[in-house]
């Protein structure tokens, strides 16, 4: 639980659990932080496109779109979608972007930010990821940053949201 950021060792002894507070507000803030750092990471001066990693990530997304939404369990699909964000941030060359993103992912899980079984939403997210991957493979980081920002925009209630 400490590694995921859900609990911290107290100075004296014992543990304290991460304070989430109002779940709706926490989820909104987590998404806002994602929206801030991920496009910035793509546009950062240190960003280095790793085409073999991007191609492998795209191949996994294509597999999910081709048959994985039916054959993979929810944890596998979710892991694939989350891995995309971490791999893209790793290309930023900024360890603090990566660490912040990993912390946000852990907090999103702790806050239970609405990630339920929804194959339709997963398909939309996969397609959005493929668009971002294609832009990066075309060396169009500006477009990839725009697509990432759009991908992470809040969606009105009742409509599928981004991861």
N, C-alpha and C. Protein backbone atom coordinates (compact mmCIF):
# COMPACT_ATOMS: atom_id res chain seq x y z
N UNK A 1 0.82 -1.19 0.00
CA UNK A 1 0.00 0.00 0.00
C UNK A 1 0.87 1.26 0.00
N UNK A 2 2.05 1.16 0.59
CA UNK A 2 2.93 2.33 0.60
C UNK A 2 3.40 2.64 -0.82
N UNK A 3 3.77 1.62 -1.57
CA UNK A 3 4.26 1.81 -2.93
C UNK A 3 3.21 2.49 -3.81
N UNK A 4 1.95 2.15 -3.61
CA UNK A 4 0.87 2.73 -4.40
C UNK A 4 0.47 4.12 -3.93
N UNK A 5 1.02 4.55 -2.80
CA UNK A 5 0.69 5.88 -2.29
C UNK A 5 -0.58 5.91 -1.47
N UNK A 6 -1.08 4.75 -1.07
CA UNK A 6 -2.33 4.68 -0.31
C UNK A 6 -2.10 4.85 1.17
N UNK A 7 -0.86 4.57 1.62
CA UNK A 7 -0.53 4.69 3.04
C UNK A 7 0.90 5.19 3.16
N UNK A 8 1.16 5.91 4.24
CA UNK A 8 2.50 6.43 4.50
C UNK A 8 2.89 6.08 5.93
N UNK A 9 4.17 5.73 6.08
CA UNK A 9 4.68 5.42 7.41
C UNK A 9 4.78 6.73 8.19
N UNK A 10 4.23 6.73 9.40
CA UNK A 10 4.30 7.92 10.26
C UNK A 10 5.67 8.00 10.91
N UNK A 11 6.07 9.21 11.30
CA UNK A 11 7.40 9.44 11.86
C UNK A 11 7.67 8.56 13.08
N UNK A 12 6.75 8.47 14.00
CA UNK A 12 6.94 7.67 15.20
C UNK A 12 6.80 6.20 14.90
N UNK A 13 5.57 5.78 14.75
CA UNK A 13 5.29 4.39 14.38
C UNK A 13 3.89 4.34 13.81
N UNK A 14 3.64 3.30 13.11
CA UNK A 14 2.33 3.12 12.52
C UNK A 14 2.23 3.72 11.12
N UNK A 15 1.00 3.75 10.67
CA UNK A 15 0.72 4.18 9.29
C UNK A 15 -0.43 5.18 9.29
N UNK A 16 -0.44 6.00 8.26
CA UNK A 16 -1.60 6.85 8.03
C UNK A 16 -2.05 6.63 6.58
N UNK A 17 -3.35 6.52 6.40
CA UNK A 17 -3.90 6.33 5.06
C UNK A 17 -3.98 7.66 4.33
N UNK A 18 -3.81 7.60 3.02
CA UNK A 18 -3.91 8.81 2.20
C UNK A 18 -5.31 9.39 2.35
N UNK A 19 -5.37 10.70 2.51
CA UNK A 19 -6.66 11.37 2.65
C UNK A 19 -7.19 11.73 1.26
N UNK A 20 -8.33 11.22 0.93
CA UNK A 20 -8.95 11.50 -0.35
C UNK A 20 -10.03 12.57 -0.20
N UNK A 21 -10.73 12.54 0.92
CA UNK A 21 -11.80 13.52 1.13
C UNK A 21 -12.97 13.23 0.22
N UNK A 22 -13.57 14.29 -0.29
CA UNK A 22 -14.72 14.16 -1.18
C UNK A 22 -14.30 13.46 -2.46
N UNK A 23 -14.90 12.30 -2.71
CA UNK A 23 -14.52 11.47 -3.86
C UNK A 23 -14.71 12.20 -5.19
N UNK A 24 -15.82 12.86 -5.37
CA UNK A 24 -16.10 13.55 -6.63
C UNK A 24 -15.06 14.64 -6.87
N UNK A 25 -14.76 15.40 -5.84
CA UNK A 25 -13.78 16.47 -5.97
C UNK A 25 -12.39 15.89 -6.20
N UNK A 26 -12.04 14.81 -5.52
CA UNK A 26 -10.73 14.17 -5.70
C UNK A 26 -10.57 13.69 -7.14
N UNK A 27 -11.59 13.06 -7.68
CA UNK A 27 -11.53 12.57 -9.06
C UNK A 27 -11.39 13.73 -10.05
N UNK A 28 -12.09 14.81 -9.80
CA UNK A 28 -11.98 16.00 -10.67
C UNK A 28 -10.56 16.55 -10.62
N UNK A 29 -9.99 16.63 -9.43
CA UNK A 29 -8.64 17.17 -9.29
C UNK A 29 -7.60 16.25 -9.91
N UNK A 30 -7.79 14.96 -9.77
CA UNK A 30 -6.86 13.99 -10.37
C UNK A 30 -6.88 14.14 -11.89
N UNK A 31 -8.07 14.22 -12.48
CA UNK A 31 -8.17 14.38 -13.92
C UNK A 31 -7.57 15.72 -14.37
N UNK A 32 -7.78 16.77 -13.60
CA UNK A 32 -7.19 18.07 -13.93
C UNK A 32 -5.66 18.00 -13.93
N UNK A 33 -5.10 17.29 -12.97
CA UNK A 33 -3.64 17.14 -12.91
C UNK A 33 -3.14 16.33 -14.11
N UNK A 34 -3.86 15.27 -14.47
CA UNK A 34 -3.51 14.50 -15.68
C UNK A 34 -3.49 15.42 -16.89
N UNK A 35 -4.56 16.19 -17.03
CA UNK A 35 -4.72 17.09 -18.18
C UNK A 35 -3.60 18.12 -18.24
N UNK A 36 -3.04 18.45 -17.11
CA UNK A 36 -1.97 19.44 -17.06
C UNK A 36 -0.63 18.82 -17.43
N UNK A 37 -0.29 17.69 -16.81
CA UNK A 37 1.07 17.18 -16.99
C UNK A 37 1.28 16.35 -18.26
N UNK A 38 0.27 15.62 -18.70
CA UNK A 38 0.53 14.73 -19.84
C UNK A 38 0.77 15.47 -21.14
N UNK A 39 -0.05 16.43 -21.54
CA UNK A 39 0.30 17.18 -22.75
C UNK A 39 1.62 17.95 -22.59
N UNK A 40 1.87 18.47 -21.39
CA UNK A 40 3.13 19.19 -21.14
C UNK A 40 4.32 18.25 -21.31
N UNK A 41 4.19 17.03 -20.84
CA UNK A 41 5.27 16.07 -21.01
C UNK A 41 5.57 15.78 -22.46
N UNK A 42 4.52 15.65 -23.26
CA UNK A 42 4.70 15.39 -24.69
C UNK A 42 5.38 16.58 -25.37
N UNK A 43 5.07 17.78 -24.94
CA UNK A 43 5.63 18.98 -25.57
C UNK A 43 6.94 19.43 -24.94
N UNK A 44 7.40 18.75 -23.90
CA UNK A 44 8.62 19.18 -23.21
C UNK A 44 9.85 19.02 -24.11
N UNK A 45 10.84 19.87 -23.85
CA UNK A 45 12.07 19.88 -24.66
C UNK A 45 12.81 18.54 -24.58
N UNK A 46 12.69 17.84 -23.47
CA UNK A 46 13.40 16.58 -23.30
C UNK A 46 12.70 15.37 -23.88
N UNK A 47 11.52 15.56 -24.47
CA UNK A 47 10.76 14.43 -25.00
C UNK A 47 11.53 13.78 -26.14
N UNK A 48 11.70 12.47 -26.04
CA UNK A 48 12.38 11.71 -27.10
C UNK A 48 11.45 10.59 -27.55
N UNK A 49 11.06 10.66 -28.81
CA UNK A 49 10.18 9.65 -29.37
C UNK A 49 10.91 8.31 -29.44
N UNK A 50 10.33 7.31 -28.84
CA UNK A 50 10.87 5.95 -28.86
C UNK A 50 9.94 5.13 -29.76
N UNK A 51 10.27 5.11 -31.05
CA UNK A 51 9.37 4.48 -32.02
C UNK A 51 9.15 2.99 -31.79
N UNK A 52 10.17 2.21 -31.40
CA UNK A 52 9.88 0.79 -31.11
C UNK A 52 8.86 0.62 -29.97
N UNK A 53 8.98 1.44 -28.93
CA UNK A 53 8.02 1.36 -27.83
C UNK A 53 6.63 1.79 -28.29
N UNK A 54 6.57 2.85 -29.10
CA UNK A 54 5.28 3.33 -29.62
C UNK A 54 4.63 2.28 -30.51
N UNK A 55 5.43 1.64 -31.35
CA UNK A 55 4.88 0.60 -32.24
C UNK A 55 4.35 -0.59 -31.43
N UNK A 56 5.11 -0.98 -30.41
CA UNK A 56 4.66 -2.09 -29.56
C UNK A 56 3.36 -1.73 -28.84
N UNK A 57 3.30 -0.50 -28.34
CA UNK A 57 2.09 -0.03 -27.65
C UNK A 57 0.91 0.00 -28.62
N UNK A 58 1.16 0.46 -29.84
CA UNK A 58 0.10 0.52 -30.85
C UNK A 58 -0.38 -0.89 -31.20
N UNK A 59 0.56 -1.83 -31.30
CA UNK A 59 0.19 -3.22 -31.60
C UNK A 59 -0.70 -3.79 -30.50
N UNK A 60 -0.37 -3.50 -29.24
CA UNK A 60 -1.22 -3.97 -28.12
C UNK A 60 -2.61 -3.34 -28.20
N UNK A 61 -2.66 -2.05 -28.54
CA UNK A 61 -3.97 -1.40 -28.66
C UNK A 61 -4.77 -2.00 -29.82
N UNK A 62 -4.09 -2.29 -30.92
CA UNK A 62 -4.77 -2.91 -32.06
C UNK A 62 -5.33 -4.27 -31.68
N UNK A 63 -4.57 -5.03 -30.88
CA UNK A 63 -5.04 -6.32 -30.40
C UNK A 63 -6.30 -6.16 -29.55
N UNK A 64 -6.29 -5.18 -28.67
CA UNK A 64 -7.47 -4.92 -27.83
C UNK A 64 -8.66 -4.58 -28.72
N UNK A 65 -8.43 -3.70 -29.70
CA UNK A 65 -9.53 -3.29 -30.58
C UNK A 65 -10.02 -4.44 -31.46
N UNK A 66 -9.10 -5.29 -31.91
CA UNK A 66 -9.48 -6.39 -32.80
C UNK A 66 -10.28 -7.48 -32.10
N UNK A 67 -9.82 -7.88 -30.90
CA UNK A 67 -10.54 -8.95 -30.21
C UNK A 67 -10.42 -8.91 -28.69
N UNK A 68 -9.54 -8.07 -28.20
CA UNK A 68 -9.29 -8.04 -26.76
C UNK A 68 -10.45 -7.55 -25.92
N UNK A 69 -11.27 -6.67 -26.49
CA UNK A 69 -12.42 -6.19 -25.73
C UNK A 69 -13.38 -7.33 -25.39
N UNK A 70 -13.31 -8.38 -26.19
CA UNK A 70 -14.18 -9.53 -25.96
C UNK A 70 -13.45 -10.61 -25.15
N UNK A 71 -12.17 -10.83 -25.44
CA UNK A 71 -11.44 -11.94 -24.84
C UNK A 71 -10.65 -11.58 -23.58
N UNK A 72 -10.25 -10.33 -23.43
CA UNK A 72 -9.45 -9.93 -22.27
C UNK A 72 -10.36 -9.58 -21.10
N UNK A 73 -9.87 -9.85 -19.89
CA UNK A 73 -10.65 -9.41 -18.74
C UNK A 73 -10.39 -7.92 -18.50
N UNK A 74 -11.22 -7.31 -17.68
CA UNK A 74 -11.17 -5.87 -17.44
C UNK A 74 -9.81 -5.41 -16.94
N UNK A 75 -9.17 -6.21 -16.09
CA UNK A 75 -7.86 -5.84 -15.54
C UNK A 75 -6.80 -5.75 -16.64
N UNK A 76 -6.85 -6.68 -17.61
CA UNK A 76 -5.88 -6.65 -18.71
C UNK A 76 -6.08 -5.43 -19.59
N UNK A 77 -7.32 -5.13 -19.91
CA UNK A 77 -7.60 -3.96 -20.75
C UNK A 77 -7.18 -2.69 -20.02
N UNK A 78 -7.55 -2.58 -18.76
CA UNK A 78 -7.20 -1.41 -17.96
C UNK A 78 -5.69 -1.25 -17.85
N UNK A 79 -4.99 -2.33 -17.64
CA UNK A 79 -3.53 -2.29 -17.55
C UNK A 79 -2.92 -1.79 -18.85
N UNK A 80 -3.44 -2.25 -19.97
CA UNK A 80 -2.96 -1.81 -21.28
C UNK A 80 -3.18 -0.30 -21.46
N UNK A 81 -4.36 0.17 -21.07
CA UNK A 81 -4.67 1.58 -21.22
C UNK A 81 -3.79 2.45 -20.32
N UNK A 82 -3.58 2.01 -19.10
CA UNK A 82 -2.74 2.75 -18.15
C UNK A 82 -1.28 2.74 -18.58
N UNK A 83 -0.82 1.58 -19.05
CA UNK A 83 0.56 1.44 -19.50
C UNK A 83 0.89 2.44 -20.61
N UNK A 84 -0.06 2.70 -21.48
CA UNK A 84 0.12 3.70 -22.55
C UNK A 84 0.54 5.04 -21.97
N UNK A 85 -0.17 5.50 -20.96
CA UNK A 85 0.12 6.82 -20.37
C UNK A 85 1.51 6.84 -19.74
N UNK A 86 1.86 5.78 -19.04
CA UNK A 86 3.16 5.72 -18.37
C UNK A 86 4.29 5.69 -19.41
N UNK A 87 4.13 4.89 -20.46
CA UNK A 87 5.17 4.81 -21.49
C UNK A 87 5.36 6.15 -22.20
N UNK A 88 4.28 6.83 -22.51
CA UNK A 88 4.39 8.14 -23.17
C UNK A 88 5.08 9.13 -22.24
N UNK A 89 4.71 9.14 -20.97
CA UNK A 89 5.35 10.07 -20.02
C UNK A 89 6.82 9.75 -19.84
N UNK A 90 7.19 8.47 -19.89
CA UNK A 90 8.60 8.10 -19.76
C UNK A 90 9.43 8.73 -20.87
N UNK A 91 8.83 8.94 -22.03
CA UNK A 91 9.54 9.56 -23.15
C UNK A 91 9.80 11.05 -22.92
N UNK A 92 9.12 11.64 -21.94
CA UNK A 92 9.32 13.06 -21.65
C UNK A 92 10.72 13.33 -21.13
N UNK A 93 11.36 12.28 -20.60
CA UNK A 93 12.69 12.46 -20.04
C UNK A 93 12.66 13.15 -18.68
N UNK A 94 11.47 13.33 -18.13
CA UNK A 94 11.32 14.03 -16.86
C UNK A 94 10.76 13.06 -15.82
N UNK A 95 11.64 12.62 -14.92
CA UNK A 95 11.23 11.62 -13.93
C UNK A 95 10.10 12.12 -13.03
N UNK A 96 10.00 13.43 -12.86
CA UNK A 96 8.95 13.96 -12.00
C UNK A 96 7.58 13.88 -12.67
N UNK A 97 7.54 14.02 -13.98
CA UNK A 97 6.28 13.79 -14.69
C UNK A 97 5.85 12.33 -14.50
N UNK A 98 6.80 11.42 -14.65
CA UNK A 98 6.49 9.99 -14.54
C UNK A 98 6.03 9.66 -13.12
N UNK A 99 6.77 10.13 -12.12
CA UNK A 99 6.41 9.84 -10.73
C UNK A 99 5.05 10.45 -10.38
N UNK A 100 4.82 11.67 -10.85
CA UNK A 100 3.52 12.32 -10.59
C UNK A 100 2.39 11.54 -11.23
N UNK A 101 2.60 11.12 -12.47
CA UNK A 101 1.57 10.34 -13.16
C UNK A 101 1.29 9.03 -12.42
N UNK A 102 2.34 8.34 -11.99
CA UNK A 102 2.14 7.08 -11.27
C UNK A 102 1.38 7.32 -9.97
N UNK A 103 1.67 8.40 -9.30
CA UNK A 103 0.95 8.74 -8.06
C UNK A 103 -0.52 9.03 -8.37
N UNK A 104 -0.77 9.77 -9.45
CA UNK A 104 -2.15 10.07 -9.84
C UNK A 104 -2.92 8.79 -10.17
N UNK A 105 -2.25 7.86 -10.84
CA UNK A 105 -2.90 6.59 -11.18
C UNK A 105 -3.28 5.84 -9.90
N UNK A 106 -2.37 5.82 -8.94
CA UNK A 106 -2.66 5.15 -7.65
C UNK A 106 -3.81 5.84 -6.92
N UNK A 107 -3.78 7.17 -6.90
CA UNK A 107 -4.84 7.90 -6.21
C UNK A 107 -6.18 7.74 -6.92
N UNK A 108 -6.15 7.68 -8.24
CA UNK A 108 -7.39 7.46 -9.00
C UNK A 108 -8.00 6.12 -8.63
N UNK A 109 -7.16 5.12 -8.47
CA UNK A 109 -7.64 3.80 -8.06
C UNK A 109 -8.19 3.84 -6.64
N UNK A 110 -7.47 4.50 -5.74
CA UNK A 110 -7.91 4.62 -4.35
C UNK A 110 -9.25 5.37 -4.26
N UNK A 111 -9.39 6.42 -5.05
CA UNK A 111 -10.62 7.22 -5.03
C UNK A 111 -11.75 6.54 -5.79
N UNK A 112 -11.41 5.45 -6.51
CA UNK A 112 -12.41 4.72 -7.29
C UNK A 112 -13.14 5.66 -8.24
N UNK A 113 -12.37 6.26 -9.13
CA UNK A 113 -12.90 7.29 -10.03
C UNK A 113 -13.66 6.73 -11.22
N UNK A 114 -14.66 5.94 -10.94
CA UNK A 114 -15.63 5.55 -11.95
C UNK A 114 -15.14 4.61 -13.04
N UNK A 115 -14.10 3.83 -12.78
CA UNK A 115 -13.63 2.91 -13.80
C UNK A 115 -14.33 1.57 -13.65
N UNK A 116 -15.44 1.46 -14.28
CA UNK A 116 -16.26 0.27 -14.23
C UNK A 116 -16.18 -0.46 -15.57
N UNK A 117 -16.68 -1.64 -15.56
CA UNK A 117 -16.74 -2.44 -16.77
C UNK A 117 -17.58 -1.70 -17.80
N UNK A 118 -16.94 -1.21 -18.84
CA UNK A 118 -17.64 -0.49 -19.91
C UNK A 118 -16.82 -0.66 -21.18
N UNK A 119 -17.11 -1.70 -21.93
CA UNK A 119 -16.34 -2.01 -23.13
C UNK A 119 -16.46 -0.91 -24.18
N UNK A 120 -17.59 -0.23 -24.24
CA UNK A 120 -17.75 0.87 -25.18
C UNK A 120 -16.79 2.01 -24.87
N UNK A 121 -16.68 2.35 -23.59
CA UNK A 121 -15.75 3.40 -23.18
C UNK A 121 -14.31 2.97 -23.42
N UNK A 122 -14.01 1.70 -23.15
CA UNK A 122 -12.66 1.19 -23.40
C UNK A 122 -12.30 1.30 -24.88
N UNK A 123 -13.25 1.00 -25.74
CA UNK A 123 -13.00 1.09 -27.19
C UNK A 123 -12.69 2.54 -27.58
N UNK A 124 -13.46 3.48 -27.07
CA UNK A 124 -13.22 4.89 -27.37
C UNK A 124 -11.83 5.30 -26.89
N UNK A 125 -11.48 4.92 -25.68
CA UNK A 125 -10.17 5.27 -25.13
C UNK A 125 -9.05 4.66 -25.95
N UNK A 126 -9.22 3.41 -26.36
CA UNK A 126 -8.22 2.75 -27.21
C UNK A 126 -8.04 3.49 -28.53
N UNK A 127 -9.13 3.86 -29.14
CA UNK A 127 -9.07 4.60 -30.41
C UNK A 127 -8.37 5.95 -30.22
N UNK A 128 -8.66 6.63 -29.12
CA UNK A 128 -7.99 7.89 -28.84
C UNK A 128 -6.49 7.67 -28.64
N UNK A 129 -6.13 6.62 -27.93
CA UNK A 129 -4.71 6.31 -27.73
C UNK A 129 -4.02 6.05 -29.07
N UNK A 130 -4.69 5.32 -29.95
CA UNK A 130 -4.10 5.03 -31.26
C UNK A 130 -3.85 6.33 -32.02
N UNK A 131 -4.77 7.28 -31.94
CA UNK A 131 -4.56 8.57 -32.60
C UNK A 131 -3.34 9.29 -32.05
N UNK A 132 -3.17 9.26 -30.74
CA UNK A 132 -2.01 9.89 -30.11
C UNK A 132 -0.73 9.17 -30.53
N UNK A 133 -0.76 7.84 -30.51
CA UNK A 133 0.41 7.05 -30.93
C UNK A 133 0.78 7.35 -32.38
N UNK A 134 -0.22 7.43 -33.25
CA UNK A 134 0.05 7.72 -34.66
C UNK A 134 0.68 9.11 -34.83
N UNK A 135 0.19 10.10 -34.09
CA UNK A 135 0.77 11.44 -34.17
C UNK A 135 2.23 11.41 -33.70
N UNK A 136 2.51 10.68 -32.63
CA UNK A 136 3.89 10.58 -32.15
C UNK A 136 4.77 9.83 -33.14
N UNK A 137 4.25 8.78 -33.75
CA UNK A 137 5.01 8.03 -34.76
C UNK A 137 5.28 8.90 -35.99
N UNK A 138 4.41 9.87 -36.25
CA UNK A 138 4.61 10.82 -37.36
C UNK A 138 5.45 12.02 -36.94
N UNK A 139 6.00 11.96 -35.71
CA UNK A 139 6.81 13.06 -35.16
C UNK A 139 6.04 14.37 -35.06
N UNK A 140 4.74 14.28 -34.84
CA UNK A 140 3.91 15.48 -34.67
C UNK A 140 3.50 15.59 -33.19
N UNK A 141 4.45 16.05 -32.38
CA UNK A 141 4.21 16.14 -30.94
C UNK A 141 3.15 17.18 -30.61
N UNK A 142 3.08 18.25 -31.37
CA UNK A 142 2.06 19.27 -31.12
C UNK A 142 0.67 18.65 -31.24
N UNK A 143 0.46 17.90 -32.30
CA UNK A 143 -0.84 17.23 -32.51
C UNK A 143 -1.08 16.18 -31.42
N UNK A 144 -0.04 15.43 -31.09
CA UNK A 144 -0.18 14.42 -30.03
C UNK A 144 -0.57 15.07 -28.71
N UNK A 145 0.04 16.23 -28.39
CA UNK A 145 -0.30 16.95 -27.16
C UNK A 145 -1.74 17.41 -27.17
N UNK A 146 -2.20 17.90 -28.33
CA UNK A 146 -3.60 18.34 -28.46
C UNK A 146 -4.55 17.16 -28.28
N UNK A 147 -4.21 16.05 -28.92
CA UNK A 147 -5.05 14.85 -28.80
C UNK A 147 -5.09 14.33 -27.37
N UNK A 148 -3.94 14.39 -26.69
CA UNK A 148 -3.89 13.94 -25.30
C UNK A 148 -4.78 14.84 -24.44
N UNK A 149 -4.67 16.13 -24.64
CA UNK A 149 -5.49 17.05 -23.84
C UNK A 149 -6.98 16.77 -24.08
N UNK A 150 -7.34 16.60 -25.34
CA UNK A 150 -8.73 16.30 -25.67
C UNK A 150 -9.16 14.97 -25.05
N UNK A 151 -8.29 13.98 -25.11
CA UNK A 151 -8.56 12.66 -24.55
C UNK A 151 -8.85 12.75 -23.05
N UNK A 152 -8.18 13.67 -22.36
CA UNK A 152 -8.32 13.80 -20.92
C UNK A 152 -9.35 14.85 -20.49
N UNK A 153 -10.06 15.42 -21.43
CA UNK A 153 -11.10 16.40 -21.10
C UNK A 153 -12.25 15.71 -20.38
N UNK A 154 -12.84 16.39 -19.40
CA UNK A 154 -14.01 15.81 -18.74
C UNK A 154 -15.15 15.64 -19.75
N UNK A 155 -15.93 14.62 -19.52
CA UNK A 155 -17.06 14.33 -20.39
C UNK A 155 -18.33 14.54 -19.60
N UNK A 156 -19.36 15.15 -20.21
CA UNK A 156 -20.62 15.35 -19.48
C UNK A 156 -21.15 14.02 -18.93
N UNK A 157 -21.86 14.11 -17.84
CA UNK A 157 -22.43 12.93 -17.18
C UNK A 157 -23.21 12.09 -18.18
N UNK A 158 -23.05 10.78 -18.06
CA UNK A 158 -23.79 9.88 -18.93
C UNK A 158 -23.07 9.52 -20.21
N UNK A 159 -21.95 10.20 -20.50
CA UNK A 159 -21.18 9.88 -21.71
C UNK A 159 -19.87 9.23 -21.30
N UNK A 160 -19.28 8.41 -22.16
CA UNK A 160 -18.02 7.74 -21.83
C UNK A 160 -16.91 8.76 -21.59
N UNK A 161 -16.08 8.53 -20.57
CA UNK A 161 -14.98 9.43 -20.28
C UNK A 161 -13.65 8.79 -20.60
N UNK A 162 -12.62 9.61 -20.68
CA UNK A 162 -11.27 9.12 -20.93
C UNK A 162 -10.74 8.46 -19.66
N UNK A 163 -9.65 7.70 -19.84
CA UNK A 163 -9.06 7.09 -18.67
C UNK A 163 -8.25 8.14 -18.00
